[in-house]
Amino acid sequence: MFEHHFQCPYCWEDISMLLDPSIRQQTYVEDCEVCCNPIEVTPRFEGEELQEFRAEDIEQ
């Protein structure tokens, strides 16, 4: 597990999440620690290296 920093797509605050590189590609929803809105998180790894990271708002 390692910490990844990025901007929330709702409030634009810098936040961080722990990512698990043991799963090569994943998509899940986690709430922003500042504004509590749901963020769809999609990291992609090759080995232990983060290759791609997306954090998007969930349209309602």
PDB file of N, CA and C in Angstrom:
ATOM      1  N   MET A   1       0.847  -1.179   0.000  1.00  0.00           N
ATOM      2  CA  MET A   1       0.000   0.000   0.000  1.00  0.00           C
ATOM      3  C   MET A   1       0.897   1.248   0.000  1.00  0.00           C
ATOM      4  N   PHE A   2       0.460   2.247  -0.750  1.00  0.00           N
ATOM      5  CA  PHE A   2       1.172   3.517  -0.685  1.00  0.00           C
ATOM      6  C   PHE A   2       0.178   4.659  -0.839  1.00  0.00           C
ATOM      7  N   GLU A   3       0.595   5.819  -0.387  1.00  0.00           N
ATOM      8  CA  GLU A   3      -0.264   6.994  -0.381  1.00  0.00           C
ATOM      9  C   GLU A   3      -0.123   7.757  -1.692  1.00  0.00           C
ATOM     10  N   HIS A   4      -1.272   8.147  -2.267  1.00  0.00           N
ATOM     11  CA  HIS A   4      -1.281   8.912  -3.509  1.00  0.00           C
ATOM     12  C   HIS A   4      -2.054  10.212  -3.275  1.00  0.00           C
ATOM     13  N   HIS A   5      -1.464  11.347  -3.640  1.00  0.00           N
ATOM     14  CA  HIS A   5      -2.083  12.670  -3.455  1.00  0.00           C
ATOM     15  C   HIS A   5      -2.673  13.161  -4.777  1.00  0.00           C
ATOM     16  N   PHE A   6      -3.854  13.796  -4.700  1.00  0.00           N
ATOM     17  CA  PHE A   6      -4.517  14.332  -5.883  1.00  0.00           C
ATOM     18  C   PHE A   6      -5.558  15.361  -5.453  1.00  0.00           C
ATOM     19  N   GLN A   7      -6.179  16.022  -6.433  1.00  0.00           N
ATOM     20  CA  GLN A   7      -7.215  17.017  -6.141  1.00  0.00           C
ATOM     21  C   GLN A   7      -8.597  16.393  -6.241  1.00  0.00           C
ATOM     22  N   CYS A   8      -9.457  16.736  -5.286  1.00  0.00           N
ATOM     23  CA  CYS A   8     -10.844  16.282  -5.314  1.00  0.00           C
ATOM     24  C   CYS A   8     -11.540  16.927  -6.521  1.00  0.00           C
ATOM     25  N   PRO A   9     -12.309  16.154  -7.307  1.00  0.00           N
ATOM     26  CA  PRO A   9     -12.996  16.729  -8.463  1.00  0.00           C
ATOM     27  C   PRO A   9     -14.199  17.605  -8.095  1.00  0.00           C
ATOM     28  N   TYR A  10     -14.551  17.666  -6.827  1.00  0.00           N
ATOM     29  CA  TYR A  10     -15.661  18.514  -6.373  1.00  0.00           C
ATOM     30  C   TYR A  10     -15.165  19.815  -5.739  1.00  0.00           C
ATOM     31  N   CYS A  11     -14.345  19.674  -4.698  1.00  0.00           N
ATOM     32  CA  CYS A  11     -13.937  20.860  -3.922  1.00  0.00           C
ATOM     33  C   CYS A  11     -12.526  21.343  -4.262  1.00  0.00           C
ATOM     34  N   TRP A  12     -11.784  20.595  -5.074  1.00  0.00           N
ATOM     35  CA  TRP A  12     -10.439  20.923  -5.538  1.00  0.00           C
ATOM     36  C   TRP A  12      -9.385  20.967  -4.434  1.00  0.00           C
ATOM     37  N   GLU A  13      -9.733  20.457  -3.256  1.00  0.00           N
ATOM     38  CA  GLU A  13      -8.745  20.367  -2.178  1.00  0.00           C
ATOM     39  C   GLU A  13      -7.784  19.211  -2.475  1.00  0.00           C
ATOM     40  N   ASP A  14      -6.547  19.365  -2.011  1.00  0.00           N
ATOM     41  CA  ASP A  14      -5.581  18.274  -2.120  1.00  0.00           C
ATOM     42  C   ASP A  14      -5.927  17.232  -1.065  1.00  0.00           C
ATOM     43  N   ILE A  15      -6.109  15.995  -1.503  1.00  0.00           N
ATOM     44  CA  ILE A  15      -6.401  14.897  -0.589  1.00  0.00           C
ATOM     45  C   ILE A  15      -5.491  13.728  -0.935  1.00  0.00           C
ATOM     46  N   SER A  16      -5.517  12.701  -0.117  1.00  0.00           N
ATOM     47  CA  SER A  16      -4.717  11.514  -0.396  1.00  0.00           C
ATOM     48  C   SER A  16      -5.530  10.260  -0.099  1.00  0.00           C
ATOM     49  N   MET A  17      -5.158   9.187  -0.771  1.00  0.00           N
ATOM     50  CA  MET A  17      -5.774   7.883  -0.546  1.00  0.00           C
ATOM     51  C   MET A  17      -4.675   6.833  -0.567  1.00  0.00           C
ATOM     52  N   LEU A  18      -4.924   5.746   0.157  1.00  0.00           N
ATOM     53  CA  LEU A  18      -4.019   4.610   0.113  1.00  0.00           C
ATOM     54  C   LEU A  18      -4.424   3.709  -1.048  1.00  0.00           C
ATOM     55  N   LEU A  19      -3.454   3.350  -1.877  1.00  0.00           N
ATOM     56  CA  LEU A  19      -3.703   2.499  -3.035  1.00  0.00           C
ATOM     57  C   LEU A  19      -2.988   1.160  -2.850  1.00  0.00           C
ATOM     58  N   ASP A  20      -3.626   0.096  -3.335  1.00  0.00           N
ATOM     59  CA  ASP A  20      -3.085  -1.253  -3.209  1.00  0.00           C
ATOM     60  C   ASP A  20      -2.566  -1.735  -4.564  1.00  0.00           C
ATOM     61  N   PRO A  21      -1.249  -1.785  -4.755  1.00  0.00           N
ATOM     62  CA  PRO A  21      -0.694  -2.185  -6.052  1.00  0.00           C
ATOM     63  C   PRO A  21      -0.791  -3.683  -6.327  1.00  0.00           C
ATOM     64  N   SER A  22      -1.284  -4.475  -5.373  1.00  0.00           N
ATOM     65  CA  SER A  22      -1.390  -5.917  -5.606  1.00  0.00           C
ATOM     66  C   SER A  22      -2.536  -6.260  -6.564  1.00  0.00           C
ATOM     67  N   ILE A  23      -3.457  -5.308  -6.786  1.00  0.00           N
ATOM     68  CA  ILE A  23      -4.537  -5.493  -7.751  1.00  0.00           C
ATOM     69  C   ILE A  23      -4.213  -4.602  -8.941  1.00  0.00           C
ATOM     70  N   ARG A  24      -3.987  -5.202 -10.092  1.00  0.00           N
ATOM     71  CA  ARG A  24      -3.454  -4.473 -11.251  1.00  0.00           C
ATOM     72  C   ARG A  24      -4.335  -3.312 -11.707  1.00  0.00           C
ATOM     73  N   GLN A  25      -5.641  -3.549 -11.862  1.00  0.00           N
ATOM     74  CA  GLN A  25      -6.556  -2.477 -12.254  1.00  0.00           C
ATOM     75  C   GLN A  25      -7.813  -2.612 -11.413  1.00  0.00           C
ATOM     76  N   GLN A  26      -8.299  -1.493 -10.918  1.00  0.00           N
ATOM     77  CA  GLN A  26      -9.465  -1.501 -10.053  1.00  0.00           C
ATOM     78  C   GLN A  26     -10.244  -0.210 -10.196  1.00  0.00           C
ATOM     79  N   THR A  27     -11.522  -0.262  -9.881  1.00  0.00           N
ATOM     80  CA  THR A  27     -12.374   0.922  -9.850  1.00  0.00           C
ATOM     81  C   THR A  27     -13.246   0.804  -8.614  1.00  0.00           C
ATOM     82  N   TYR A  28     -13.267   1.852  -7.813  1.00  0.00           N
ATOM     83  CA  TYR A  28     -14.086   1.846  -6.615  1.00  0.00           C
ATOM     84  C   TYR A  28     -14.479   3.274  -6.272  1.00  0.00           C
ATOM     85  N   VAL A  29     -15.393   3.421  -5.322  1.00  0.00           N
ATOM     86  CA  VAL A  29     -15.867   4.736  -4.898  1.00  0.00           C
ATOM     87  C   VAL A  29     -15.421   4.975  -3.467  1.00  0.00           C
ATOM     88  N   GLU A  30     -14.858   6.156  -3.248  1.00  0.00           N
ATOM     89  CA  GLU A  30     -14.446   6.560  -1.908  1.00  0.00           C
ATOM     90  C   GLU A  30     -14.825   8.020  -1.722  1.00  0.00           C
ATOM     91  N   ASP A  31     -15.282   8.374  -0.529  1.00  0.00           N
ATOM     92  CA  ASP A  31     -15.691   9.747  -0.258  1.00  0.00           C
ATOM     93  C   ASP A  31     -14.485  10.648  -0.018  1.00  0.00           C
ATOM     94  N   CYS A  32     -14.598  11.889  -0.478  1.00  0.00           N
ATOM     95  CA  CYS A  32     -13.568  12.895  -0.220  1.00  0.00           C
ATOM     96  C   CYS A  32     -13.498  13.148   1.283  1.00  0.00           C
ATOM     97  N   GLU A  33     -12.294  13.220   1.821  1.00  0.00           N
ATOM     98  CA  GLU A  33     -12.129  13.453   3.257  1.00  0.00           C
ATOM     99  C   GLU A  33     -12.440  14.895   3.656  1.00  0.00           C
ATOM    100  N   VAL A  34     -12.574  15.795   2.694  1.00  0.00           N
ATOM    101  CA  VAL A  34     -12.872  17.202   2.981  1.00  0.00           C
ATOM    102  C   VAL A  34     -14.361  17.501   2.791  1.00  0.00           C
ATOM    103  N   CYS A  35     -14.896  17.228   1.590  1.00  0.00           N
ATOM    104  CA  CYS A  35     -16.283  17.609   1.287  1.00  0.00           C
ATOM    105  C   CYS A  35     -17.265  16.438   1.353  1.00  0.00           C
ATOM    106  N   CYS A  36     -16.775  15.221   1.523  1.00  0.00           N
ATOM    107  CA  CYS A  36     -17.582  13.993   1.679  1.00  0.00           C
ATOM    108  C   CYS A  36     -18.336  13.567   0.426  1.00  0.00           C
ATOM    109  N   ASN A  37     -18.063  14.153  -0.733  1.00  0.00           N
ATOM    110  CA  ASN A  37     -18.695  13.717  -1.967  1.00  0.00           C
ATOM    111  C   ASN A  37     -18.032  12.437  -2.474  1.00  0.00           C
ATOM    112  N   PRO A  38     -18.792  11.576  -3.177  1.00  0.00           N
ATOM    113  CA  PRO A  38     -18.235  10.315  -3.671  1.00  0.00           C
ATOM    114  C   PRO A  38     -17.351  10.522  -4.908  1.00  0.00           C
ATOM    115  N   ILE A  39     -16.181   9.918  -4.883  1.00  0.00           N
ATOM    116  CA  ILE A  39     -15.219  10.012  -5.976  1.00  0.00           C
ATOM    117  C   ILE A  39     -15.008   8.609  -6.549  1.00  0.00           C
ATOM    118  N   GLU A  40     -15.140   8.484  -7.863  1.00  0.00           N
ATOM    119  CA  GLU A  40     -14.817   7.213  -8.503  1.00  0.00           C
ATOM    120  C   GLU A  40     -13.311   7.191  -8.767  1.00  0.00           C
ATOM    121  N   VAL A  41     -12.639   6.248  -8.155  1.00  0.00           N
ATOM    122  CA  VAL A  41     -11.179   6.157  -8.211  1.00  0.00           C
ATOM    123  C   VAL A  41     -10.801   4.962  -9.083  1.00  0.00           C
ATOM    124  N   THR A  42      -9.923   5.195 -10.068  1.00  0.00           N
ATOM    125  CA  THR A  42      -9.475   4.125 -10.967  1.00  0.00           C
ATOM    126  C   THR A  42      -7.953   4.179 -11.103  1.00  0.00           C
ATOM    127  N   PRO A  43      -7.247   3.404 -10.281  1.00  0.00           N
ATOM    128  CA  PRO A  43      -5.798   3.293 -10.454  1.00  0.00           C
ATOM    129  C   PRO A  43      -5.454   2.069 -11.311  1.00  0.00           C
ATOM    130  N   ARG A  44      -4.349   2.157 -12.050  1.00  0.00           N
ATOM    131  CA  ARG A  44      -3.849   1.022 -12.833  1.00  0.00           C
ATOM    132  C   ARG A  44      -2.362   0.884 -12.560  1.00  0.00           C
ATOM    133  N   PHE A  45      -1.956  -0.323 -12.236  1.00  0.00           N
ATOM    134  CA  PHE A  45      -0.569  -0.605 -11.877  1.00  0.00           C
ATOM    135  C   PHE A  45       0.069  -1.560 -12.864  1.00  0.00           C
ATOM    136  N   GLU A  46       1.369  -1.443 -12.999  1.00  0.00           N
ATOM    137  CA  GLU A  46       2.196  -2.450 -13.657  1.00  0.00           C
ATOM    138  C   GLU A  46       3.283  -2.781 -12.648  1.00  0.00           C
ATOM    139  N   GLY A  47       3.222  -4.003 -12.139  1.00  0.00           N
ATOM    140  CA  GLY A  47       4.110  -4.361 -11.036  1.00  0.00           C
ATOM    141  C   GLY A  47       3.730  -3.528  -9.825  1.00  0.00           C
ATOM    142  N   GLU A  48       4.698  -2.886  -9.242  1.00  0.00           N
ATOM    143  CA  GLU A  48       4.459  -2.021  -8.079  1.00  0.00           C
ATOM    144  C   GLU A  48       4.329  -0.554  -8.477  1.00  0.00           C
ATOM    145  N   GLU A  49       4.361  -0.260  -9.784  1.00  0.00           N
ATOM    146  CA  GLU A  49       4.350   1.123 -10.265  1.00  0.00           C
ATOM    147  C   GLU A  49       2.970   1.569 -10.719  1.00  0.00           C
ATOM    148  N   LEU A  50       2.552   2.740 -10.261  1.00  0.00           N
ATOM    149  CA  LEU A  50       1.287   3.329 -10.687  1.00  0.00           C
ATOM    150  C   LEU A  50       1.458   3.884 -12.101  1.00  0.00           C
ATOM    151  N   GLN A  51       0.679   3.360 -13.057  1.00  0.00           N
ATOM    152  CA  GLN A  51       0.776   3.783 -14.449  1.00  0.00           C
ATOM    153  C   GLN A  51      -0.261   4.827 -14.811  1.00  0.00           C
ATOM    154  N   GLU A  52      -1.446   4.735 -14.187  1.00  0.00           N
ATOM    155  CA  GLU A  52      -2.529   5.655 -14.511  1.00  0.00           C
ATOM    156  C   GLU A  52      -3.385   5.832 -13.258  1.00  0.00           C
ATOM    157  N   PHE A  53      -3.917   7.036 -13.079  1.00  0.00           N
ATOM    158  CA  PHE A  53      -4.798   7.301 -11.948  1.00  0.00           C
ATOM    159  C   PHE A  53      -5.869   8.283 -12.383  1.00  0.00           C
ATOM    160  N   ARG A  54      -7.125   7.906 -12.154  1.00  0.00           N
ATOM    161  CA  ARG A  54      -8.247   8.811 -12.434  1.00  0.00           C
ATOM    162  C   ARG A  54      -9.088   8.953 -11.170  1.00  0.00           C
ATOM    163  N   ALA A  55      -9.501  10.163 -10.890  1.00  0.00           N
ATOM    164  CA  ALA A  55     -10.414  10.466  -9.797  1.00  0.00           C
ATOM    165  C   ALA A  55     -11.495  11.357 -10.376  1.00  0.00           C
ATOM    166  N   GLU A  56     -12.698  10.813 -10.495  1.00  0.00           N
ATOM    167  CA  GLU A  56     -13.782  11.539 -11.182  1.00  0.00           C
ATOM    168  C   GLU A  56     -15.000  11.682 -10.294  1.00  0.00           C
ATOM    169  N   ASP A  57     -15.753  12.768 -10.535  1.00  0.00           N
ATOM    170  CA  ASP A  57     -17.018  12.929  -9.823  1.00  0.00           C
ATOM    171  C   ASP A  57     -18.021  11.920 -10.366  1.00  0.00           C
ATOM    172  N   ILE A  58     -18.980  11.583  -9.547  1.00  0.00           N
ATOM    173  CA  ILE A  58     -20.030  10.648  -9.944  1.00  0.00           C
ATOM    174  C   ILE A  58     -21.249  11.455 -10.285  1.00  0.00           C
ATOM    175  N   GLU A  59     -21.624  11.415 -11.560  1.00  0.00           N
ATOM    176  CA  GLU A  59     -22.797  12.190 -11.995  1.00  0.00           C
ATOM    177  C   GLU A  59     -24.057  11.547 -11.437  1.00  0.00           C
ATOM    178  N   GLN A  60     -24.951  12.412 -10.967  1.00  0.00           N
ATOM    179  CA  GLN A  60     -26.168  11.895 -10.332  1.00  0.00           C
ATOM    180  C   GLN A  60     -27.364  12.086 -11.200  1.00  0.00           C
TER     181      GLN A  60
END
